[in-house]
C-alpha atoms as a PDB file:
ATOM      1  CA  MET A   1      16.139  20.881  68.215  1.00  0.00           C
ATOM      2  CA  ALA A   2      18.791  18.922  70.125  1.00  0.00           C
ATOM      3  CA  GLU A   3      22.275  18.601  68.665  1.00  0.00           C
ATOM      4  CA  LYS A   4      22.948  15.240  67.047  1.00  0.00           C
ATOM      5  CA  GLU A   5      24.919  13.011  69.409  1.00  0.00           C
ATOM      6  CA  ARG A   6      28.434  12.162  68.255  1.00  0.00           C
ATOM      7  CA  LEU A   7      29.135   8.476  67.843  1.00  0.00           C
ATOM      8  CA  LYS A   8      32.246   6.882  69.318  1.00  0.00           C
ATOM      9  CA  LEU A   9      34.699   4.291  68.142  1.00  0.00           C
ATOM     10  CA  VAL A  10      36.498   2.178  70.790  1.00  0.00           C
ATOM     11  CA  VAL A  11      40.058   1.242  69.848  1.00  0.00           C
ATOM     12  CA  LEU A  12      42.210  -1.299  71.682  1.00  0.00           C
ATOM     13  CA  TYR A  13      45.795  -0.036  71.430  1.00  0.00           C
ATOM     14  CA  ASP A  14      48.833  -2.162  72.332  1.00  0.00           C
ATOM     15  CA  ARG A  15      51.701   0.265  72.839  1.00  0.00           C
ATOM     16  CA  ASN A  16      54.215  -2.589  73.319  1.00  0.00           C
ATOM     17  CA  ARG A  17      53.627  -3.860  69.771  1.00  0.00           C
ATOM     18  CA  ASN A  18      52.350  -0.584  68.263  1.00  0.00           C
ATOM     19  CA  GLU A  19      49.212  -2.376  67.075  1.00  0.00           C
ATOM     20  CA  TYR A  20      45.532  -1.614  67.338  1.00  0.00           C
ATOM     21  CA  SER A  21      42.207  -3.294  66.756  1.00  0.00           C
ATOM     22  CA  ILE A  22      38.638  -2.030  66.667  1.00  0.00           C
ATOM     23  CA  SER A  23      36.696  -3.102  69.752  1.00  0.00           C
ATOM     24  CA  ALA A  24      33.393  -1.365  68.998  1.00  0.00           C
ATOM     25  CA  HIS A  25      31.978   1.284  66.688  1.00  0.00           C
ATOM     26  CA  ASN A  26      28.738   3.259  66.263  1.00  0.00           C
ATOM     27  CA  GLN A  27      28.519   3.649  70.054  1.00  0.00           C
ATOM     28  CA  SER A  28      26.866   6.503  71.924  1.00  0.00           C
ATOM     29  CA  ALA A  29      29.145   8.294  74.382  1.00  0.00           C
ATOM     30  CA  ASP A  30      27.466   6.441  77.279  1.00  0.00           C
ATOM     31  CA  GLU A  31      27.752   3.039  75.583  1.00  0.00           C
ATOM     32  CA  ALA A  32      31.413   3.632  74.800  1.00  0.00           C
ATOM     33  CA  GLN A  33      32.164   4.753  78.354  1.00  0.00           C
ATOM     34  CA  ARG A  34      30.451   1.661  79.812  1.00  0.00           C
ATOM     35  CA  PHE A  35      32.478  -0.529  77.430  1.00  0.00           C
ATOM     36  CA  VAL A  36      35.722   1.081  78.615  1.00  0.00           C
ATOM     37  CA  GLU A  37      34.757   0.766  82.290  1.00  0.00           C
ATOM     38  CA  GLN A  38      33.892  -2.916  81.805  1.00  0.00           C
ATOM     39  CA  TRP A  39      37.050  -3.928  79.939  1.00  0.00           C
ATOM     40  CA  ASN A  40      39.786  -1.590  81.286  1.00  0.00           C
ATOM     41  CA  PRO A  41      40.388  -3.650  84.455  1.00  0.00           C
ATOM     42  CA  GLN A  42      41.067  -6.741  82.319  1.00  0.00           C
ATOM     43  CA  LEU A  43      43.700  -5.213  80.030  1.00  0.00           C
ATOM     44  CA  ILE A  44      47.320  -6.261  80.280  1.00  0.00           C
ATOM     45  CA  SER A  45      50.102  -3.757  80.882  1.00  0.00           C
ATOM     46  CA  GLY A  46      50.796  -1.648  77.796  1.00  0.00           C
ATOM     47  CA  CYS A  47      47.259  -1.922  76.413  1.00  0.00           C
ATOM     48  CA  SER A  48      44.601   0.756  76.594  1.00  0.00           C
ATOM     49  CA  LEU A  49      41.174   1.539  75.221  1.00  0.00           C
ATOM     50  CA  ILE A  50      40.939   4.807  73.308  1.00  0.00           C
ATOM     51  CA  LEU A  51      37.707   6.598  72.391  1.00  0.00           C
ATOM     52  CA  VAL A  52      37.677   8.304  68.993  1.00  0.00           C
ATOM     53  CA  ASP A  53      34.862  10.479  67.597  1.00  0.00           C
ATOM     54  CA  GLN A  54      33.120   9.212  64.473  1.00  0.00           C
ATOM     55  CA  SER A  55      31.896  11.839  62.036  1.00  0.00           C
ATOM     56  CA  ARG A  56      29.120   9.545  60.773  1.00  0.00           C
ATOM     57  CA  ARG A  57      27.583   6.102  61.357  1.00  0.00           C
ATOM     58  CA  HIS A  58      29.666   3.354  59.808  1.00  0.00           C
ATOM     59  CA  SER A  59      27.804   0.830  57.658  1.00  0.00           C
ATOM     60  CA  ALA A  60      29.856  -2.308  58.468  1.00  0.00           C
ATOM     61  CA  VAL A  61      28.177  -4.607  60.973  1.00  0.00           C
ATOM     62  CA  HIS A  62      31.391  -5.348  62.904  1.00  0.00           C
ATOM     63  CA  GLY A  63      34.143  -2.861  63.671  1.00  0.00           C
ATOM     64  CA  ARG A  64      36.792  -5.459  62.767  1.00  0.00           C
ATOM     65  CA  ASP A  65      35.507  -5.366  59.161  1.00  0.00           C
ATOM     66  CA  CYS A  66      35.070  -1.604  58.952  1.00  0.00           C
ATOM     67  CA  ARG A  67      37.359   0.312  56.602  1.00  0.00           C
ATOM     68  CA  ALA A  68      35.853   3.611  57.809  1.00  0.00           C
ATOM     69  CA  CYS A  69      37.023   2.770  61.351  1.00  0.00           C
ATOM     70  CA  ARG A  70      40.596   2.221  60.183  1.00  0.00           C
ATOM     71  CA  GLU A  71      40.525   5.487  58.237  1.00  0.00           C
ATOM     72  CA  THR A  72      39.119   7.324  61.275  1.00  0.00           C
ATOM     73  CA  VAL A  73      41.870   5.942  63.526  1.00  0.00           C
ATOM     74  CA  ALA A  74      44.585   6.885  61.017  1.00  0.00           C
ATOM     75  CA  ARG A  75      43.206  10.425  60.778  1.00  0.00           C
ATOM     76  CA  SER A  76      42.079  11.106  64.346  1.00  0.00           C
ATOM     77  CA  ALA A  77      43.753   8.919  66.993  1.00  0.00           C
ATOM     78  CA  HIS A  78      47.041  10.913  67.039  1.00  0.00           C
ATOM     79  CA  LEU A  79      49.163   7.802  67.597  1.00  0.00           C
ATOM     80  CA  GLU A  80      52.814   8.123  66.552  1.00  0.00           C
ATOM     81  CA  PRO A  81      54.302   6.231  64.903  1.00  0.00           C
ATOM     82  CA  GLN A  82      51.222   5.049  63.038  1.00  0.00           C
ATOM     83  CA  PRO A  83      50.257   1.668  64.557  1.00  0.00           C
ATOM     84  CA  LYS A  84      49.558  -1.464  62.550  1.00  0.00           C
ATOM     85  CA  TYR A  85      45.937  -2.628  62.334  1.00  0.00           C
ATOM     86  CA  ILE A  86      45.254  -6.149  63.645  1.00  0.00           C
ATOM     87  CA  ARG A  87      41.915  -7.825  62.900  1.00  0.00           C
ATOM     88  CA  ARG A  88      40.800  -9.693  66.020  1.00  0.00           C
ATOM     89  CA  LYS A  89      38.086 -12.317  66.193  1.00  0.00           C
ATOM     90  CA  GLU A  90      35.061 -11.450  68.317  1.00  0.00           C
END
């Protein structure tokens, strides 16, 4: 039996403002990597996309509305000082 694939959460982090938003969640590793490759060239200086492992599928439809995403980032992203969450419109 194949090991269950880990899901990824894509976080947009603005180091200049110490803020983050959720760009995508419940992504396979390949989906998340394609997302990063597509959007990285368009980011402004000081911003980056960070991939974070999800321990389980999140039930919220959109990452911007997902409390589990925010908890995962707080616990697993290793950003110091803890950044402020910003809800962005899609």
